[in-house]
Each structure stands twice: as C-alpha cells, then as structure tokens.
C-alpha cells in the first residue's frame, strides 16, 4: 500500500456529529472507538490492517481517495449501520473478552439470561473467535501474538511484580506504563483517573532491574497495554463494557430494556467455545 495516498478515517466520515462517549446503548460512539484504535495502533502496518478491514466493512475502496466523497447526508446515513457493526465487532471480539479476562467476571451469563435474549445466537467456533481476536490485535501491533501465546506466556518478559491494588488497576487498564526514553527499562506509572492519581501519588517513576539471565518486562507489551487502555478510556468503551460485565455478574436483565444482551450472549458463547478466550498474556491483562 502506498502510504502517501493512505486515506484517513476523518477524510471519509464526519465523526464530529457522533456522541463522544458510550452513554448507553442508544448513544454509543462507534466513530470515536474506530478512530482511537487507528490512532493508537503501534505501526503504520497495523493502521493499514484496520483501514482495510474498516473500509471493507463499509464497502469503500481503501486505495481510492476520490471515489466516495460522502457529501450527501443520505449517503452518509447509509454507512451508519456498518459503522456500528464494525465497532460492535471490535467490542465483542476483542475489548469485551479482554476486559472480562482481567477478573471482573469469570462465568458466562446464566441460562435464564440467554433464553431472554432476542438476539440470534452467535455460533462462531473457537477458531473463529480466535481468528477475529488476533486480527484485531494485529490492528494494534502486527505479529505481537507470538510473545503471548504457547510457552512464551510464562517467560519473564511477560510478568512483573505489583502490589495487590496496582495489580488490580493494571488489569483493569486504569493505570499504564509510559516509557522514559533516556533511561533503560524505566517508566512513569500513570493513571486515567484523578482519584487514583491523588490516592496513589501518581505518576511515579520506576526502573526494572536487569539480570543477565532474566529479561525485564517487555517494552512492547507494556506499550500495547497502554494503547488499549487509552482507547478504552478515551472512547468511553471501558465504561460501556463495565456495565455489561456488571449485568453479567448480577445475572440480570433490566426491565427498561437497557441490558446489552447481544454482547452478553457473544461473551458466553465465546467463553464456552474457548475457555482461554481473552487470555492475551499476563503482562497485557494483569492476570
């Protein structure tokens, strides 16, 4: 792909009219989620993968900057459904199972909740879920999966020692490690939440010890964790997913119809098809 002709998301769709938070299921921000995933991708190659998948979903030509101007409101409206569909794909096959893997929930929705769903069950096999998750992971960092699967998941670079509270915050993507470039293996530990910033005296700088036979925590994985955390918090998707997981833990369907049954069913089916779904490595999810 010729990067000098690479189209931007803003160049094709007007995100300014989209509500910038996931206030509820009627007021989600699919454009914001997609844009931030693009912006926090770790390489141009990863951005290319997201763009190709996104424009394929919208049936647009990724290599043609002038073929679809989208100036007409009716033409723009026609892309609303596939835009929401692409954002839902990112949520259901990556962000939701990844967030669930942090320990917020360990069990699928009860049978009564599954029977209450009007959504058509997703019968994707475990291999389908895995392929979708890896494809989205490659939209952040191409090829990073080899660091966190198989026997590599237990290697020293995929682990670090944290206090119980910091471990929980790291797993929930409430804190992140920001690389200090001038000092080897040194990071500023920051948070997205002013409450934790004050209570834990963040940011704080820490340096990992070096050992001839033990690798320090992977800079690449910490950067990936930070990128995912920024997307979750800045898009509002994290709060939206937390509400889904709270409903899952409570085993409830809200009378006002606000329960997101589709994602709950997808999470349950994905967990049953592949119990390790969402386990992208200890250093990534803090598990």
C-alpha atoms as a PDB file:
ATOM      1  CA  UNK A   1       0.000   0.000   0.000  1.00  0.00           C
ATOM      2  CA  UNK A   2       1.359   3.432  -0.924  1.00  0.00           C
ATOM      3  CA  UNK A   3       1.299   5.280   2.389  1.00  0.00           C
ATOM      4  CA  UNK A   4       1.472   8.711   0.846  1.00  0.00           C
ATOM      5  CA  UNK A   5      -2.002   8.018  -0.555  1.00  0.00           C
ATOM      6  CA  UNK A   6      -3.267   6.461   2.663  1.00  0.00           C
ATOM      7  CA  UNK A   7      -6.787   7.710   3.375  1.00  0.00           C
ATOM      8  CA  UNK A   8      -7.634   8.880   6.854  1.00  0.00           C
ATOM      9  CA  UNK A   9     -10.789   7.982   8.739  1.00  0.00           C
ATOM     10  CA  UNK A  10     -11.647  11.659   9.145  1.00  0.00           C
ATOM     11  CA  UNK A  11     -11.354  12.103   5.398  1.00  0.00           C
ATOM     12  CA  UNK A  12     -14.168   9.645   4.760  1.00  0.00           C
ATOM     13  CA  UNK A  13     -16.603  10.049   7.639  1.00  0.00           C
ATOM     14  CA  UNK A  14     -17.547  13.061   9.738  1.00  0.00           C
ATOM     15  CA  UNK A  15     -17.051  11.973  13.350  1.00  0.00           C
ATOM     16  CA  UNK A  16     -17.899  15.386  14.772  1.00  0.00           C
ATOM     17  CA  UNK A  17     -21.618  14.614  14.861  1.00  0.00           C
ATOM     18  CA  UNK A  18     -21.131  11.349  16.757  1.00  0.00           C
ATOM     19  CA  UNK A  19     -21.631  11.467  20.522  1.00  0.00           C
ATOM     20  CA  UNK A  20     -18.133  11.150  22.076  1.00  0.00           C
ATOM     21  CA  UNK A  21     -18.999   8.724  24.895  1.00  0.00           C
ATOM     22  CA  UNK A  22     -20.751   5.385  25.306  1.00  0.00           C
ATOM     23  CA  UNK A  23     -23.507   6.926  27.411  1.00  0.00           C
ATOM     24  CA  UNK A  24     -25.842   3.992  26.770  1.00  0.00           C
ATOM     25  CA  UNK A  25     -26.723   1.557  24.042  1.00  0.00           C
ATOM     26  CA  UNK A  26     -28.525   4.262  22.095  1.00  0.00           C
ATOM     27  CA  UNK A  27     -25.666   6.760  22.398  1.00  0.00           C
ATOM     28  CA  UNK A  28     -22.504   4.845  21.629  1.00  0.00           C
ATOM     29  CA  UNK A  29     -19.607   6.391  19.784  1.00  0.00           C
ATOM     30  CA  UNK A  30     -18.547   3.902  17.129  1.00  0.00           C
ATOM     31  CA  UNK A  31     -16.639   6.507  15.148  1.00  0.00           C
ATOM     32  CA  UNK A  32     -14.655   7.558  18.200  1.00  0.00           C
ATOM     33  CA  UNK A  33     -13.766   3.949  19.020  1.00  0.00           C
ATOM     34  CA  UNK A  34     -12.594   3.217  15.477  1.00  0.00           C
ATOM     35  CA  UNK A  35     -10.654   6.479  15.206  1.00  0.00           C
ATOM     36  CA  UNK A  36      -8.841   5.953  18.506  1.00  0.00           C
ATOM     37  CA  UNK A  37      -7.997   2.352  17.627  1.00  0.00           C
ATOM     38  CA  UNK A  38      -6.431   3.720  14.452  1.00  0.00           C
ATOM     39  CA  UNK A  39      -4.561   6.500  16.251  1.00  0.00           C
ATOM     40  CA  UNK A  40      -3.128   4.226  18.951  1.00  0.00           C
ATOM     41  CA  UNK A  41      -2.047   1.484  16.551  1.00  0.00           C
ATOM     42  CA  UNK A  42       1.635   0.768  17.108  1.00  0.00           C
ATOM     43  CA  UNK A  43       2.740   0.948  13.465  1.00  0.00           C
ATOM     44  CA  UNK A  44       1.678   2.089  10.012  1.00  0.00           C
ATOM     45  CA  UNK A  45       1.285  -1.567   9.054  1.00  0.00           C
ATOM     46  CA  UNK A  46      -1.190  -2.061  11.897  1.00  0.00           C
ATOM     47  CA  UNK A  47      -3.078   1.069  10.824  1.00  0.00           C
ATOM     48  CA  UNK A  48      -3.232  -0.315   7.286  1.00  0.00           C
ATOM     49  CA  UNK A  49      -4.844  -3.511   8.566  1.00  0.00           C
ATOM     50  CA  UNK A  50      -7.503  -1.560  10.453  1.00  0.00           C
ATOM     51  CA  UNK A  51      -8.196   0.717   7.478  1.00  0.00           C
ATOM     52  CA  UNK A  52      -8.573  -2.207   5.091  1.00  0.00           C
ATOM     53  CA  UNK A  53     -10.977  -4.018   7.422  1.00  0.00           C
ATOM     54  CA  UNK A  54     -12.918  -0.834   8.136  1.00  0.00           C
ATOM     55  CA  UNK A  55     -13.357   0.214   4.518  1.00  0.00           C
ATOM     56  CA  UNK A  56     -14.190  -3.335   3.519  1.00  0.00           C
ATOM     57  CA  UNK A  57     -16.966  -3.287   6.110  1.00  0.00           C
ATOM     58  CA  UNK A  58     -18.258  -0.021   4.619  1.00  0.00           C
ATOM     59  CA  UNK A  59     -17.717  -1.315   1.067  1.00  0.00           C
ATOM     60  CA  UNK A  60     -15.400   1.602   0.251  1.00  0.00           C
ATOM     61  CA  UNK A  61     -12.263   1.495  -1.877  1.00  0.00           C
ATOM     62  CA  UNK A  62      -9.337   1.862   0.512  1.00  0.00           C
ATOM     63  CA  UNK A  63      -6.987   2.904  -2.318  1.00  0.00           C
ATOM     64  CA  UNK A  64      -9.262   5.483  -3.916  1.00  0.00           C
ATOM     65  CA  UNK A  65      -9.314   8.853  -2.175  1.00  0.00           C
ATOM     66  CA  UNK A  66     -11.850  10.394  -4.573  1.00  0.00           C
ATOM     67  CA  UNK A  67     -14.314   7.609  -5.201  1.00  0.00           C
ATOM     68  CA  UNK A  68     -16.591   8.277  -2.231  1.00  0.00           C
ATOM     69  CA  UNK A  69     -16.893  11.856  -1.068  1.00  0.00           C
ATOM     70  CA  UNK A  70     -19.828  11.177   1.271  1.00  0.00           C
ATOM     71  CA  UNK A  71     -21.081  14.744   0.973  1.00  0.00           C
ATOM     72  CA  UNK A  72     -24.741  13.756   0.860  1.00  0.00           C
ATOM     73  CA  UNK A  73     -26.442  13.243   4.252  1.00  0.00           C
ATOM     74  CA  UNK A  74     -28.428  10.297   2.906  1.00  0.00           C
ATOM     75  CA  UNK A  75     -25.274   8.670   1.575  1.00  0.00           C
ATOM     76  CA  UNK A  76     -23.538   9.234   4.899  1.00  0.00           C
ATOM     77  CA  UNK A  77     -26.509   7.779   6.780  1.00  0.00           C
ATOM     78  CA  UNK A  78     -26.214   4.585   4.752  1.00  0.00           C
ATOM     79  CA  UNK A  79     -22.864   3.943   6.439  1.00  0.00           C
ATOM     80  CA  UNK A  80     -24.244   4.275   9.962  1.00  0.00           C
ATOM     81  CA  UNK A  81     -25.230   0.611  10.292  1.00  0.00           C
ATOM     82  CA  UNK A  82     -21.929  -0.868   9.027  1.00  0.00           C
ATOM     83  CA  UNK A  83     -20.022   1.651  11.160  1.00  0.00           C
ATOM     84  CA  UNK A  84     -21.883   0.464  14.258  1.00  0.00           C
ATOM     85  CA  UNK A  85     -21.348  -3.103  13.102  1.00  0.00           C
ATOM     86  CA  UNK A  86     -17.590  -2.636  12.834  1.00  0.00           C
ATOM     87  CA  UNK A  87     -17.429  -1.018  16.289  1.00  0.00           C
ATOM     88  CA  UNK A  88     -19.511  -3.879  17.708  1.00  0.00           C
ATOM     89  CA  UNK A  89     -17.075  -6.329  16.132  1.00  0.00           C
ATOM     90  CA  UNK A  90     -14.169  -4.622  17.922  1.00  0.00           C
ATOM     91  CA  UNK A  91     -16.078  -4.686  21.207  1.00  0.00           C
ATOM     92  CA  UNK A  92     -17.430  -8.233  21.050  1.00  0.00           C
ATOM     93  CA  UNK A  93     -14.339  -9.979  19.706  1.00  0.00           C
ATOM     94  CA  UNK A  94     -11.588  -8.040  21.460  1.00  0.00           C
ATOM     95  CA  UNK A  95     -12.280  -5.347  24.039  1.00  0.00           C
ATOM     96  CA  UNK A  96     -15.091  -7.173  25.865  1.00  0.00           C
ATOM     97  CA  UNK A  97     -13.337 -10.559  26.270  1.00  0.00           C
ATOM     98  CA  UNK A  98     -10.075  -8.779  27.094  1.00  0.00           C
ATOM     99  CA  UNK A  99     -11.783  -6.723  29.808  1.00  0.00           C
ATOM    100  CA  UNK A 100     -13.540  -9.841  31.125  1.00  0.00           C
ATOM    101  CA  UNK A 101     -10.170 -11.598  31.335  1.00  0.00           C
ATOM    102  CA  UNK A 102      -8.992  -9.091  33.969  1.00  0.00           C
ATOM    103  CA  UNK A 103     -11.106 -10.865  36.577  1.00  0.00           C
ATOM    104  CA  UNK A 104     -14.203  -8.687  36.574  1.00  0.00           C
ATOM    105  CA  UNK A 105     -16.144 -11.829  35.683  1.00  0.00           C
ATOM    106  CA  UNK A 106     -15.270 -15.468  35.263  1.00  0.00           C
ATOM    107  CA  UNK A 107     -18.622 -17.053  34.479  1.00  0.00           C
ATOM    108  CA  UNK A 108     -20.938 -16.865  31.447  1.00  0.00           C
ATOM    109  CA  UNK A 109     -24.470 -15.444  31.672  1.00  0.00           C
ATOM    110  CA  UNK A 110     -26.937 -17.798  33.376  1.00  0.00           C
ATOM    111  CA  UNK A 111     -29.271 -19.846  31.125  1.00  0.00           C
ATOM    112  CA  UNK A 112     -32.236 -17.633  32.026  1.00  0.00           C
ATOM    113  CA  UNK A 113     -30.439 -14.622  30.599  1.00  0.00           C
ATOM    114  CA  UNK A 114     -29.519 -16.493  27.449  1.00  0.00           C
ATOM    115  CA  UNK A 115     -33.102 -17.555  26.925  1.00  0.00           C
ATOM    116  CA  UNK A 116     -34.267 -13.980  27.439  1.00  0.00           C
ATOM    117  CA  UNK A 117     -32.148 -12.689  24.573  1.00  0.00           C
ATOM    118  CA  UNK A 118     -33.910 -11.849  21.343  1.00  0.00           C
ATOM    119  CA  UNK A 119     -30.575 -11.719  19.545  1.00  0.00           C
ATOM    120  CA  UNK A 120     -29.761 -14.566  17.219  1.00  0.00           C
ATOM    121  CA  UNK A 121     -27.031 -16.617  18.940  1.00  0.00           C
ATOM    122  CA  UNK A 122     -23.583 -16.320  17.517  1.00  0.00           C
ATOM    123  CA  UNK A 123     -22.454 -19.880  16.751  1.00  0.00           C
ATOM    124  CA  UNK A 124     -18.904 -18.998  15.818  1.00  0.00           C
ATOM    125  CA  UNK A 125     -16.425 -21.725  16.615  1.00  0.00           C
ATOM    126  CA  UNK A 126     -13.497 -21.188  18.936  1.00  0.00           C
ATOM    127  CA  UNK A 127     -11.247 -20.873  15.904  1.00  0.00           C
ATOM    128  CA  UNK A 128     -13.480 -18.092  14.511  1.00  0.00           C
ATOM    129  CA  UNK A 129     -13.279 -16.184  17.793  1.00  0.00           C
ATOM    130  CA  UNK A 130      -9.542 -16.667  17.956  1.00  0.00           C
ATOM    131  CA  UNK A 131      -9.010 -15.530  14.373  1.00  0.00           C
ATOM    132  CA  UNK A 132     -11.142 -12.443  14.920  1.00  0.00           C
ATOM    133  CA  UNK A 133      -9.339 -11.557  18.147  1.00  0.00           C
ATOM    134  CA  UNK A 134      -5.893 -11.986  16.594  1.00  0.00           C
ATOM    135  CA  UNK A 135      -6.923  -9.940  13.547  1.00  0.00           C
ATOM    136  CA  UNK A 136      -7.933  -7.069  15.839  1.00  0.00           C
ATOM    137  CA  UNK A 137      -4.777  -7.500  17.924  1.00  0.00           C
ATOM    138  CA  UNK A 138      -2.805  -7.066  14.681  1.00  0.00           C
ATOM    139  CA  UNK A 139      -4.623  -3.759  14.178  1.00  0.00           C
ATOM    140  CA  UNK A 140      -2.738  -2.600  17.283  1.00  0.00           C
ATOM    141  CA  UNK A 141       0.592  -4.396  16.859  1.00  0.00           C
ATOM    142  CA  UNK A 142       1.230  -6.743  13.945  1.00  0.00           C
ATOM    143  CA  UNK A 143       2.664 -10.105  14.998  1.00  0.00           C
ATOM    144  CA  UNK A 144       2.710  -9.410  18.742  1.00  0.00           C
ATOM    145  CA  UNK A 145       0.704 -12.583  19.392  1.00  0.00           C
ATOM    146  CA  UNK A 146       3.879 -14.706  19.286  1.00  0.00           C
ATOM    147  CA  UNK A 147       5.037 -13.024  22.507  1.00  0.00           C
ATOM    148  CA  UNK A 148       1.980 -14.061  24.493  1.00  0.00           C
ATOM    149  CA  UNK A 149       0.908 -17.490  23.315  1.00  0.00           C
ATOM    150  CA  UNK A 150       2.096 -21.030  23.928  1.00  0.00           C
ATOM    151  CA  UNK A 151       5.101 -21.403  26.181  1.00  0.00           C
ATOM    152  CA  UNK A 152       6.007 -17.733  25.739  1.00  0.00           C
ATOM    153  CA  UNK A 153       3.175 -16.726  28.042  1.00  0.00           C
ATOM    154  CA  UNK A 154       5.274 -17.883  31.017  1.00  0.00           C
ATOM    155  CA  UNK A 155       8.505 -16.128  30.056  1.00  0.00           C
ATOM    156  CA  UNK A 156       9.914 -13.469  32.410  1.00  0.00           C
ATOM    157  CA  UNK A 157       9.332 -10.627  29.934  1.00  0.00           C
ATOM    158  CA  UNK A 158       5.607 -11.329  30.271  1.00  0.00           C
ATOM    159  CA  UNK A 159       5.468 -10.776  34.023  1.00  0.00           C
ATOM    160  CA  UNK A 160       6.209  -8.241  36.734  1.00  0.00           C
ATOM    161  CA  UNK A 161       5.590  -7.879  40.464  1.00  0.00           C
ATOM    162  CA  UNK A 162       2.990  -5.371  41.600  1.00  0.00           C
ATOM    163  CA  UNK A 163       1.135  -4.694  44.825  1.00  0.00           C
ATOM    164  CA  UNK A 164      -2.361  -6.162  45.014  1.00  0.00           C
ATOM    165  CA  UNK A 165      -4.019  -2.788  44.358  1.00  0.00           C
ATOM    166  CA  UNK A 166      -1.712  -1.885  41.481  1.00  0.00           C
ATOM    167  CA  UNK A 167      -2.195  -5.356  40.005  1.00  0.00           C
ATOM    168  CA  UNK A 168      -5.972  -4.799  40.009  1.00  0.00           C
ATOM    169  CA  UNK A 169      -5.664  -1.348  38.448  1.00  0.00           C
ATOM    170  CA  UNK A 170      -3.252  -2.609  35.804  1.00  0.00           C
ATOM    171  CA  UNK A 171      -5.577  -5.479  34.918  1.00  0.00           C
ATOM    172  CA  UNK A 172      -8.500  -3.063  34.629  1.00  0.00           C
ATOM    173  CA  UNK A 173      -6.447  -0.744  32.370  1.00  0.00           C
ATOM    174  CA  UNK A 174      -6.783   2.032  34.968  1.00  0.00           C
ATOM    175  CA  UNK A 175      -3.022   2.566  35.076  1.00  0.00           C
ATOM    176  CA  UNK A 176      -0.426   2.380  32.327  1.00  0.00           C
ATOM    177  CA  UNK A 177       3.361   2.438  31.939  1.00  0.00           C
ATOM    178  CA  UNK A 178       4.866   5.303  29.938  1.00  0.00           C
ATOM    179  CA  UNK A 179       8.400   4.664  28.687  1.00  0.00           C
ATOM    180  CA  UNK A 180      11.132   7.072  29.778  1.00  0.00           C
ATOM    181  CA  UNK A 181      13.347   7.079  26.696  1.00  0.00           C
ATOM    182  CA  UNK A 182      16.510   8.468  28.268  1.00  0.00           C
ATOM    183  CA  UNK A 183      16.825   5.682  30.883  1.00  0.00           C
ATOM    184  CA  UNK A 184      16.794   1.939  30.108  1.00  0.00           C
ATOM    185  CA  UNK A 185      13.835  -0.081  31.450  1.00  0.00           C
ATOM    186  CA  UNK A 186      12.381   2.988  33.160  1.00  0.00           C
ATOM    187  CA  UNK A 187       8.712   4.001  33.115  1.00  0.00           C
ATOM    188  CA  UNK A 188       6.373   6.602  34.517  1.00  0.00           C
ATOM    189  CA  UNK A 189       3.350   4.853  36.000  1.00  0.00           C
ATOM    190  CA  UNK A 190       0.306   6.968  35.218  1.00  0.00           C
ATOM    191  CA  UNK A 191      -3.449   6.683  35.619  1.00  0.00           C
ATOM    192  CA  UNK A 192      -6.513   7.852  33.717  1.00  0.00           C
ATOM    193  CA  UNK A 193      -8.433   8.535  36.936  1.00  0.00           C
ATOM    194  CA  UNK A 194      -7.690  11.665  39.037  1.00  0.00           C
ATOM    195  CA  UNK A 195      -8.955   9.772  42.112  1.00  0.00           C
ATOM    196  CA  UNK A 196      -6.221   7.137  41.793  1.00  0.00           C
ATOM    197  CA  UNK A 197      -3.695   9.810  40.888  1.00  0.00           C
ATOM    198  CA  UNK A 198      -4.218  11.520  44.219  1.00  0.00           C
ATOM    199  CA  UNK A 199      -4.715   8.409  46.333  1.00  0.00           C
ATOM    200  CA  UNK A 200      -1.674   6.556  44.981  1.00  0.00           C
ATOM    201  CA  UNK A 201       0.561   9.591  44.457  1.00  0.00           C
ATOM    202  CA  UNK A 202       0.794   9.029  40.727  1.00  0.00           C
ATOM    203  CA  UNK A 203       2.576   9.494  38.441  1.00  0.00           C
ATOM    204  CA  UNK A 204       5.602   7.731  39.857  1.00  0.00           C
ATOM    205  CA  UNK A 205       8.808   6.652  38.090  1.00  0.00           C
ATOM    206  CA  UNK A 206      10.147   3.110  38.394  1.00  0.00           C
ATOM    207  CA  UNK A 207      13.073   1.228  36.842  1.00  0.00           C
ATOM    208  CA  UNK A 208      13.062  -2.540  36.324  1.00  0.00           C
ATOM    209  CA  UNK A 209      16.183  -4.378  37.492  1.00  0.00           C
ATOM    210  CA  UNK A 210      18.363  -6.003  34.853  1.00  0.00           C
ATOM    211  CA  UNK A 211      19.669  -9.549  35.194  1.00  0.00           C
ATOM    212  CA  UNK A 212      21.933 -11.434  32.775  1.00  0.00           C
ATOM    213  CA  UNK A 213      19.557 -14.422  32.558  1.00  0.00           C
ATOM    214  CA  UNK A 214      16.149 -12.792  33.168  1.00  0.00           C
ATOM    215  CA  UNK A 215      14.531 -10.439  30.681  1.00  0.00           C
ATOM    216  CA  UNK A 216      12.841  -7.327  32.092  1.00  0.00           C
ATOM    217  CA  UNK A 217       9.139  -6.774  31.356  1.00  0.00           C
ATOM    218  CA  UNK A 218       8.563  -6.358  27.622  1.00  0.00           C
ATOM    219  CA  UNK A 219       8.526  -2.741  26.493  1.00  0.00           C
ATOM    220  CA  UNK A 220       6.429  -3.801  23.502  1.00  0.00           C
ATOM    221  CA  UNK A 221       3.737  -5.441  25.649  1.00  0.00           C
ATOM    222  CA  UNK A 222       3.615  -2.528  28.073  1.00  0.00           C
ATOM    223  CA  UNK A 223       3.179  -0.147  25.135  1.00  0.00           C
ATOM    224  CA  UNK A 224       0.375  -2.336  23.785  1.00  0.00           C
ATOM    225  CA  UNK A 225      -1.316  -2.383  27.194  1.00  0.00           C
ATOM    226  CA  UNK A 226      -1.070   1.413  27.312  1.00  0.00           C
ATOM    227  CA  UNK A 227      -2.546   1.787  23.806  1.00  0.00           C
ATOM    228  CA  UNK A 228      -5.527  -0.433  24.620  1.00  0.00           C
ATOM    229  CA  UNK A 229      -6.088   1.420  27.895  1.00  0.00           C
ATOM    230  CA  UNK A 230      -6.127   4.776  26.128  1.00  0.00           C
ATOM    231  CA  UNK A 231      -8.703   3.544  23.599  1.00  0.00           C
ATOM    232  CA  UNK A 232     -10.935   2.109  26.335  1.00  0.00           C
ATOM    233  CA  UNK A 233     -10.876   5.269  28.447  1.00  0.00           C
ATOM    234  CA  UNK A 234     -10.872   8.000  25.801  1.00  0.00           C
ATOM    235  CA  UNK A 235     -13.697   6.421  23.784  1.00  0.00           C
ATOM    236  CA  UNK A 236     -15.881   5.617  26.789  1.00  0.00           C
ATOM    237  CA  UNK A 237     -15.907   1.964  25.724  1.00  0.00           C
ATOM    238  CA  UNK A 238     -14.460   0.896  29.069  1.00  0.00           C
ATOM    239  CA  UNK A 239     -17.451   2.232  30.999  1.00  0.00           C
ATOM    240  CA  UNK A 240     -19.828   0.708  28.470  1.00  0.00           C
ATOM    241  CA  UNK A 241     -18.161  -2.702  28.831  1.00  0.00           C
ATOM    242  CA  UNK A 242     -18.078  -2.438  32.625  1.00  0.00           C
ATOM    243  CA  UNK A 243     -21.837  -2.008  32.627  1.00  0.00           C
ATOM    244  CA  UNK A 244     -22.207  -5.141  30.506  1.00  0.00           C
ATOM    245  CA  UNK A 245     -19.988  -7.082  32.907  1.00  0.00           C
ATOM    246  CA  UNK A 246     -21.895  -5.800  35.941  1.00  0.00           C
ATOM    247  CA  UNK A 247     -25.118  -7.074  34.398  1.00  0.00           C
ATOM    248  CA  UNK A 248     -23.387 -10.367  33.751  1.00  0.00           C
ATOM    249  CA  UNK A 249     -22.223 -10.673  37.356  1.00  0.00           C
ATOM    250  CA  UNK A 250     -25.668  -9.754  38.673  1.00  0.00           C
ATOM    251  CA  UNK A 251     -27.332 -12.271  36.332  1.00  0.00           C
ATOM    252  CA  UNK A 252     -29.983  -9.732  35.492  1.00  0.00           C
ATOM    253  CA  UNK A 253     -31.914  -8.359  32.543  1.00  0.00           C
ATOM    254  CA  UNK A 254     -33.060  -4.795  33.128  1.00  0.00           C
ATOM    255  CA  UNK A 255     -36.797  -4.159  32.878  1.00  0.00           C
ATOM    256  CA  UNK A 256     -36.211  -0.924  30.976  1.00  0.00           C
ATOM    257  CA  UNK A 257     -34.608  -2.874  28.127  1.00  0.00           C
ATOM    258  CA  UNK A 258     -31.195  -1.285  28.653  1.00  0.00           C
ATOM    259  CA  UNK A 259     -29.319  -4.571  29.126  1.00  0.00           C
ATOM    260  CA  UNK A 260     -26.955  -5.309  26.246  1.00  0.00           C
ATOM    261  CA  UNK A 261     -27.947  -8.923  25.642  1.00  0.00           C
ATOM    262  CA  UNK A 262     -26.107  -9.378  22.354  1.00  0.00           C
ATOM    263  CA  UNK A 263     -22.618  -8.821  23.824  1.00  0.00           C
ATOM    264  CA  UNK A 264     -23.517 -10.959  26.839  1.00  0.00           C
ATOM    265  CA  UNK A 265     -24.513 -13.857  24.613  1.00  0.00           C
ATOM    266  CA  UNK A 266     -21.414 -13.438  22.465  1.00  0.00           C
ATOM    267  CA  UNK A 267     -19.187 -13.408  25.553  1.00  0.00           C
ATOM    268  CA  UNK A 268     -20.855 -16.529  26.931  1.00  0.00           C
ATOM    269  CA  UNK A 269     -20.628 -18.433  23.663  1.00  0.00           C
ATOM    270  CA  UNK A 270     -17.050 -17.344  23.121  1.00  0.00           C
ATOM    271  CA  UNK A 271     -16.059 -18.444  26.632  1.00  0.00           C
ATOM    272  CA  UNK A 272     -17.732 -21.809  26.191  1.00  0.00           C
ATOM    273  CA  UNK A 273     -16.207 -22.384  22.775  1.00  0.00           C
ATOM    274  CA  UNK A 274     -12.741 -21.467  24.041  1.00  0.00           C
ATOM    275  CA  UNK A 275     -12.241 -21.107  27.821  1.00  0.00           C
ATOM    276  CA  UNK A 276      -8.914 -19.301  27.227  1.00  0.00           C
ATOM    277  CA  UNK A 277     -10.505 -16.652  25.014  1.00  0.00           C
ATOM    278  CA  UNK A 278      -9.286 -13.237  26.042  1.00  0.00           C
ATOM    279  CA  UNK A 279      -6.100 -14.504  27.689  1.00  0.00           C
ATOM    280  CA  UNK A 280      -3.581 -12.364  25.834  1.00  0.00           C
ATOM    281  CA  UNK A 281      -0.775 -12.714  28.336  1.00  0.00           C
ATOM    282  CA  UNK A 282      -0.143 -11.809  31.961  1.00  0.00           C
ATOM    283  CA  UNK A 283       1.662  -8.563  31.219  1.00  0.00           C
ATOM    284  CA  UNK A 284      -1.130  -7.390  28.941  1.00  0.00           C
ATOM    285  CA  UNK A 285      -4.141  -8.100  31.165  1.00  0.00           C
ATOM    286  CA  UNK A 286      -2.521  -8.454  34.572  1.00  0.00           C
ATOM    287  CA  UNK A 287      -3.822 -11.979  35.117  1.00  0.00           C
END
